[in-house]
Amino acid sequence: MTDEPAVAAITGAASGFGRAIVDELAGRGFSIAMFDLDEPRLDEAAEAVRSTFGVEVLARPVDVASRAALLEAAAAVDTRFGRCDLLWANVGVQHFGAVETITDEVWRWVLDVNVIGTSRTVQAFLPLLRRSPHARIAFTTSTNALVPAARLAAYQATKYAVVGLAETLRLELAAEPVDVSIVYPAGMITRHLESSAEARPSHLGPGTVDESDLIAMMESRPMADVDLTTAEAAAAVAVAGVLAGEPHIVTHGDLRAALAERDAAIAEAVDRAAPGTDA
């Protein structure tokens, strides 16, 4: 083990929750590798992190839809730092709309970025993480993967999938010194919708959010003040949990009643399926 600072690599790092994660880790002395599709915003953010925290920063534009770009990103981290101790797969584009309106092309885009892009990211960095004496992998999902809302099928389906990916990876790495954490943020004041629109391929159209979609979403899952916070507050909770090796981290929000209702229904289904019970 060297005395050099631990190294964290974060995707989606130029703004919003990803940028808040970067600041939280940099404040703890981590060297930072920042990756994002938005190169101008990324360069600006990287310079701000250097000047504010005095840590070493590598910034590189990366599209998680490109396996080659992610492999090059991992190689750049290896060349610059010679190690990676924490990989934070903070990937997520958004799409609003009723299930019946979502085209195959939109499904392919959201799945390719949110799910396959997350898997690509892990695959690219895992060899480097395995060289760390104690590595960590964090996945940004959403409380929508625990308590879903209407009109968010594409986004929520991918976040459910990322939970499954992370849970499987935890099993596969159980014999290795690699912690796997799943982070579930609730509503945050960020530019997530704006960045999703910027990343959206032009052939899919603008992807505007219709007012009826927002109304249906809010009616299906009403939000209270506790369900909304800043990216900085959510990142502080998330980073503390990841560094503590917690497998599941809910950053904020009160999901207890909704989760209890769903868990009770599942428990009843399990009981009905148990041997010796009447169907």
Protein backbone atom coordinates (compact mmCIF):
# COMPACT_ATOMS: atom_id res chain seq x y z
CA MET A 1 0.00 0.00 0.00
CA THR A 2 1.48 3.37 -0.98
CA ASP A 3 0.99 6.73 0.69
CA GLU A 4 -0.38 8.20 -2.53
CA PRO A 5 -3.99 9.45 -2.47
CA ALA A 6 -6.73 7.01 -3.40
CA VAL A 7 -8.11 7.49 -6.91
CA ALA A 8 -11.78 7.76 -7.80
CA ALA A 9 -13.16 7.59 -11.35
CA ILE A 10 -16.63 9.07 -11.87
CA THR A 11 -18.79 9.10 -14.99
CA GLY A 12 -21.38 11.81 -15.56
CA ALA A 13 -19.03 14.00 -13.52
CA ALA A 14 -19.44 17.43 -15.11
CA SER A 15 -22.67 18.51 -13.42
CA GLY A 16 -25.48 17.56 -11.08
CA PHE A 17 -25.13 14.55 -8.80
CA GLY A 18 -21.92 13.42 -10.50
CA ARG A 19 -20.23 16.78 -9.92
CA ALA A 20 -21.40 16.78 -6.30
CA ILE A 21 -19.87 13.31 -5.86
CA VAL A 22 -16.60 14.63 -7.29
CA ASP A 23 -16.54 17.55 -4.85
CA GLU A 24 -17.31 15.29 -1.90
CA LEU A 25 -14.53 12.86 -2.80
CA ALA A 26 -12.04 15.61 -3.63
CA GLY A 27 -12.80 17.18 -0.25
CA ARG A 28 -11.75 13.88 1.30
CA GLY A 29 -8.41 13.97 -0.54
CA PHE A 30 -9.10 11.62 -3.43
CA SER A 31 -7.36 12.14 -6.74
CA ILE A 32 -10.14 12.41 -9.31
CA ALA A 33 -10.75 11.09 -12.81
CA MET A 34 -13.76 12.88 -14.29
CA PHE A 35 -15.63 11.62 -17.34
CA ASP A 36 -18.58 13.18 -19.13
CA LEU A 37 -20.01 13.68 -22.60
CA ASP A 38 -20.14 17.49 -22.17
CA GLU A 39 -16.50 18.47 -22.79
CA PRO A 40 -16.75 22.25 -22.19
CA ARG A 41 -18.62 21.80 -18.91
CA LEU A 42 -16.24 18.99 -17.95
CA ASP A 43 -13.15 21.14 -18.48
CA GLU A 44 -14.66 23.97 -16.45
CA ALA A 45 -15.62 21.62 -13.63
CA ALA A 46 -12.19 19.98 -13.55
CA GLU A 47 -10.44 23.33 -13.22
CA ALA A 48 -12.78 24.32 -10.41
CA VAL A 49 -12.05 21.07 -8.55
CA ARG A 50 -8.30 21.57 -8.91
CA SER A 51 -8.37 25.12 -7.65
CA THR A 52 -10.85 24.48 -4.83
CA PHE A 53 -9.49 21.24 -3.39
CA GLY A 54 -5.88 21.15 -4.59
CA VAL A 55 -6.14 17.52 -5.74
CA GLU A 56 -4.89 15.97 -8.94
CA VAL A 57 -7.61 15.78 -11.59
CA LEU A 58 -7.83 13.96 -14.90
CA ALA A 59 -10.71 15.09 -17.11
CA ARG A 60 -11.63 13.30 -20.31
CA PRO A 61 -14.74 13.46 -22.51
CA VAL A 62 -16.30 10.00 -22.69
CA ASP A 63 -19.46 8.60 -24.23
CA VAL A 64 -20.47 5.49 -22.27
CA ALA A 65 -22.13 4.23 -25.46
CA SER A 66 -18.60 3.63 -26.78
CA ARG A 67 -16.67 0.64 -25.44
CA ALA A 68 -13.48 1.95 -27.07
CA ALA A 69 -13.84 5.32 -25.34
CA LEU A 70 -14.26 3.65 -21.95
CA LEU A 71 -11.25 1.40 -22.48
CA GLU A 72 -9.23 4.48 -23.41
CA ALA A 73 -10.51 6.22 -20.27
CA ALA A 74 -9.40 3.34 -18.05
CA ALA A 75 -6.01 3.30 -19.77
CA ALA A 76 -5.68 7.05 -19.18
CA VAL A 77 -6.36 6.55 -15.45
CA ASP A 78 -3.77 3.79 -15.34
CA THR A 79 -1.20 5.96 -17.10
CA ARG A 80 -1.87 9.03 -14.97
CA PHE A 81 -2.36 7.45 -11.55
CA GLY A 82 -1.36 3.81 -11.85
CA ARG A 83 -4.40 2.79 -9.82
CA CYS A 84 -8.15 3.13 -9.35
CA ASP A 85 -9.68 2.52 -5.94
CA LEU A 86 -13.25 3.67 -6.53
CA LEU A 87 -15.33 3.52 -9.68
CA TRP A 88 -18.63 5.40 -9.58
CA ALA A 89 -20.90 4.47 -12.48
CA ASN A 90 -23.10 7.54 -12.50
CA VAL A 91 -24.95 7.02 -15.76
CA GLY A 92 -28.50 7.99 -16.62
CA VAL A 93 -30.53 9.60 -19.36
CA GLN A 94 -34.21 10.30 -18.96
CA HIS A 95 -37.33 9.89 -21.08
CA PHE A 96 -40.90 10.81 -20.12
CA GLY A 97 -43.94 9.21 -21.73
CA ALA A 98 -46.62 6.57 -21.37
CA VAL A 99 -45.47 3.02 -22.12
CA GLU A 100 -47.65 2.85 -25.24
CA THR A 101 -45.84 5.85 -26.74
CA ILE A 102 -42.22 4.71 -26.29
CA THR A 103 -40.68 3.66 -29.59
CA ASP A 104 -38.17 0.87 -30.04
CA GLU A 105 -35.56 3.47 -30.95
CA VAL A 106 -36.05 5.33 -27.65
CA TRP A 107 -35.91 2.06 -25.71
CA ARG A 108 -32.64 1.13 -27.44
CA TRP A 109 -31.08 4.51 -26.64
CA VAL A 110 -32.04 4.55 -22.96
CA LEU A 111 -31.07 0.91 -22.45
CA ASP A 112 -27.76 1.34 -24.29
CA VAL A 113 -26.72 4.31 -22.18
CA ASN A 114 -28.15 3.45 -18.77
CA VAL A 115 -27.70 -0.31 -18.65
CA ILE A 116 -25.18 -1.42 -21.25
CA GLY A 117 -23.19 1.79 -20.71
CA THR A 118 -22.99 1.00 -17.01
CA SER A 119 -21.86 -2.55 -17.76
CA ARG A 120 -19.28 -1.27 -20.25
CA THR A 121 -17.93 1.11 -17.62
CA VAL A 122 -17.45 -1.68 -15.08
CA GLN A 123 -15.88 -4.00 -17.63
CA ALA A 124 -13.40 -1.34 -18.69
CA PHE A 125 -12.27 -0.47 -15.15
CA LEU A 126 -12.48 -3.82 -13.37
CA PRO A 127 -8.91 -4.95 -14.24
CA LEU A 128 -7.56 -1.71 -12.77
CA LEU A 129 -9.81 -1.95 -9.70
CA ARG A 130 -8.57 -5.46 -9.03
CA ARG A 131 -5.08 -4.06 -8.50
CA SER A 132 -6.31 -1.98 -5.56
CA PRO A 133 -5.95 -3.57 -2.10
CA HIS A 134 -9.55 -2.54 -1.36
CA ALA A 135 -11.62 -1.37 -4.29
CA ARG A 136 -15.15 -0.02 -4.38
CA ILE A 137 -17.75 0.15 -7.14
CA ALA A 138 -20.78 2.42 -6.74
CA PHE A 139 -23.83 2.44 -8.99
CA THR A 140 -26.16 5.42 -9.15
CA THR A 141 -29.68 4.10 -9.56
CA SER A 142 -32.81 5.85 -8.24
CA THR A 143 -35.47 5.52 -5.58
CA ASN A 144 -37.71 5.00 -8.62
CA ALA A 145 -36.20 1.51 -8.76
CA LEU A 146 -37.76 0.92 -5.32
CA VAL A 147 -40.97 2.93 -5.62
CA PRO A 148 -41.81 3.66 -9.28
CA ALA A 149 -43.97 6.39 -10.78
CA ALA A 150 -46.06 6.64 -13.93
CA ARG A 151 -44.68 7.92 -17.26
CA LEU A 152 -41.09 6.95 -16.43
CA ALA A 153 -41.06 3.39 -17.75
CA ALA A 154 -37.91 3.61 -19.85
CA TYR A 155 -35.84 5.28 -17.15
CA GLN A 156 -37.18 3.12 -14.33
CA ALA A 157 -36.78 -0.15 -16.22
CA THR A 158 -33.11 0.65 -16.75
CA LYS A 159 -32.60 1.53 -13.09
CA TYR A 160 -34.20 -1.77 -12.06
CA ALA A 161 -31.76 -3.43 -14.46
CA VAL A 162 -28.77 -1.64 -12.94
CA VAL A 163 -29.81 -2.87 -9.50
CA GLY A 164 -29.82 -6.41 -10.91
CA LEU A 165 -26.44 -5.84 -12.52
CA ALA A 166 -24.95 -4.57 -9.27
CA GLU A 167 -26.44 -7.38 -7.18
CA THR A 168 -25.03 -9.95 -9.61
CA LEU A 169 -21.63 -8.29 -9.64
CA ARG A 170 -21.56 -8.35 -5.83
CA LEU A 171 -22.05 -12.13 -5.93
CA GLU A 172 -19.37 -12.57 -8.57
CA LEU A 173 -16.84 -10.46 -6.62
CA ALA A 174 -17.70 -11.87 -3.20
CA ALA A 175 -14.31 -13.57 -2.86
CA GLU A 176 -12.40 -10.43 -3.83
CA PRO A 177 -11.71 -7.21 -1.86
CA VAL A 178 -14.20 -5.20 -3.93
CA ASP A 179 -17.21 -3.59 -2.27
CA VAL A 180 -20.30 -3.00 -4.40
CA SER A 181 -22.75 -0.28 -3.37
CA ILE A 182 -26.08 0.66 -4.92
CA VAL A 183 -27.05 4.30 -4.43
CA TYR A 184 -30.71 5.34 -4.63
CA PRO A 185 -31.14 9.12 -4.85
CA ALA A 186 -34.60 10.65 -4.83
CA GLY A 187 -35.50 14.02 -6.33
CA MET A 188 -32.63 16.47 -6.64
CA ILE A 189 -32.23 20.01 -7.90
CA THR A 190 -29.95 19.33 -10.88
CA ARG A 191 -29.78 19.79 -14.64
CA HIS A 192 -30.52 16.09 -15.25
CA LEU A 193 -33.33 16.74 -17.71
CA GLU A 194 -31.22 19.28 -19.57
CA SER A 195 -28.22 16.96 -19.82
CA SER A 196 -30.48 14.12 -20.98
CA ALA A 197 -31.87 16.34 -23.73
CA GLU A 198 -28.34 17.31 -24.80
CA ALA A 199 -27.29 13.65 -24.99
CA ARG A 200 -30.42 12.57 -26.86
CA PRO A 201 -29.71 11.56 -30.50
CA SER A 202 -31.30 14.02 -32.93
CA HIS A 203 -33.19 11.32 -34.83
CA LEU A 204 -35.26 10.65 -31.68
CA GLY A 205 -36.67 14.15 -31.63
CA PRO A 206 -36.39 16.72 -28.84
CA GLY A 207 -37.86 14.55 -26.07
CA THR A 208 -39.81 17.38 -24.47
CA VAL A 209 -41.65 16.73 -21.21
CA ASP A 210 -45.40 17.09 -21.60
CA GLU A 211 -47.33 18.63 -18.72
CA SER A 212 -49.70 15.65 -18.69
CA ASP A 213 -46.73 13.36 -18.07
CA LEU A 214 -45.66 15.42 -15.07
CA ILE A 215 -49.18 15.43 -13.67
CA ALA A 216 -49.54 11.65 -14.10
CA MET A 217 -46.13 11.10 -12.49
CA MET A 218 -46.92 13.25 -9.45
CA GLU A 219 -50.38 11.73 -9.00
CA SER A 220 -48.97 8.20 -9.06
CA ARG A 221 -46.25 9.01 -6.56
CA PRO A 222 -46.84 12.24 -4.63
CA MET A 223 -43.67 13.91 -3.35
CA ALA A 224 -43.17 15.66 -0.04
CA ASP A 225 -40.43 18.11 0.94
CA VAL A 226 -38.38 15.21 2.31
CA ASP A 227 -38.26 13.68 -1.17
CA LEU A 228 -36.34 16.61 -2.67
CA THR A 229 -32.88 17.88 -1.80
CA THR A 230 -29.73 19.32 -3.33
CA ALA A 231 -27.20 17.21 -5.19
CA GLU A 232 -24.60 18.23 -2.60
CA ALA A 233 -26.64 16.94 0.34
CA ALA A 234 -27.42 13.67 -1.46
CA ALA A 235 -23.77 13.20 -2.45
CA ALA A 236 -22.57 13.65 1.13
CA VAL A 237 -24.82 10.79 2.26
CA ALA A 238 -23.94 8.65 -0.75
CA VAL A 239 -20.17 9.02 -0.47
CA ALA A 240 -20.18 8.29 3.26
CA GLY A 241 -22.17 5.12 2.63
CA VAL A 242 -19.98 3.96 -0.25
CA LEU A 243 -16.77 4.47 1.71
CA ALA A 244 -18.31 2.55 4.61
CA GLY A 245 -19.02 -0.35 2.24
CA GLU A 246 -22.79 -0.21 2.64
CA PRO A 247 -24.51 -2.39 0.00
CA HIS A 248 -27.59 -0.13 -0.30
CA ILE A 249 -27.69 3.63 0.24
CA VAL A 250 -30.88 5.69 0.05
CA THR A 251 -29.76 9.31 0.05
CA HIS A 252 -33.05 10.88 1.11
CA GLY A 253 -36.84 10.55 0.99
CA ASP A 254 -39.34 8.52 2.99
CA LEU A 255 -40.09 5.27 1.17
CA ARG A 256 -41.15 3.22 4.18
CA ALA A 257 -44.91 3.06 3.59
CA ALA A 258 -44.67 2.35 -0.14
CA LEU A 259 -41.94 -0.26 0.33
CA ALA A 260 -43.83 -1.94 3.14
CA GLU A 261 -46.92 -2.24 0.94
CA ARG A 262 -44.98 -3.75 -1.93
CA ASP A 263 -42.94 -6.06 0.31
CA ALA A 264 -46.11 -7.30 2.00
CA ALA A 265 -47.64 -8.20 -1.36
CA ILE A 266 -44.47 -10.06 -2.38
CA ALA A 267 -44.32 -11.85 0.96
CA GLU A 268 -47.90 -13.01 0.47
CA ALA A 269 -47.00 -14.35 -2.98
CA VAL A 270 -44.02 -16.21 -1.50
CA ASP A 271 -46.24 -17.69 1.19
CA ARG A 272 -48.76 -18.84 -1.42
CA ALA A 273 -46.00 -20.56 -3.35
CA ALA A 274 -44.53 -22.30 -0.31
CA PRO A 275 -44.94 -26.10 -0.13
CA GLY A 276 -47.88 -27.21 1.92
CA THR A 277 -49.97 -24.10 1.34
CA ASP A 278 -53.12 -23.85 -0.70
CA ALA A 279 -52.77 -21.93 -3.97
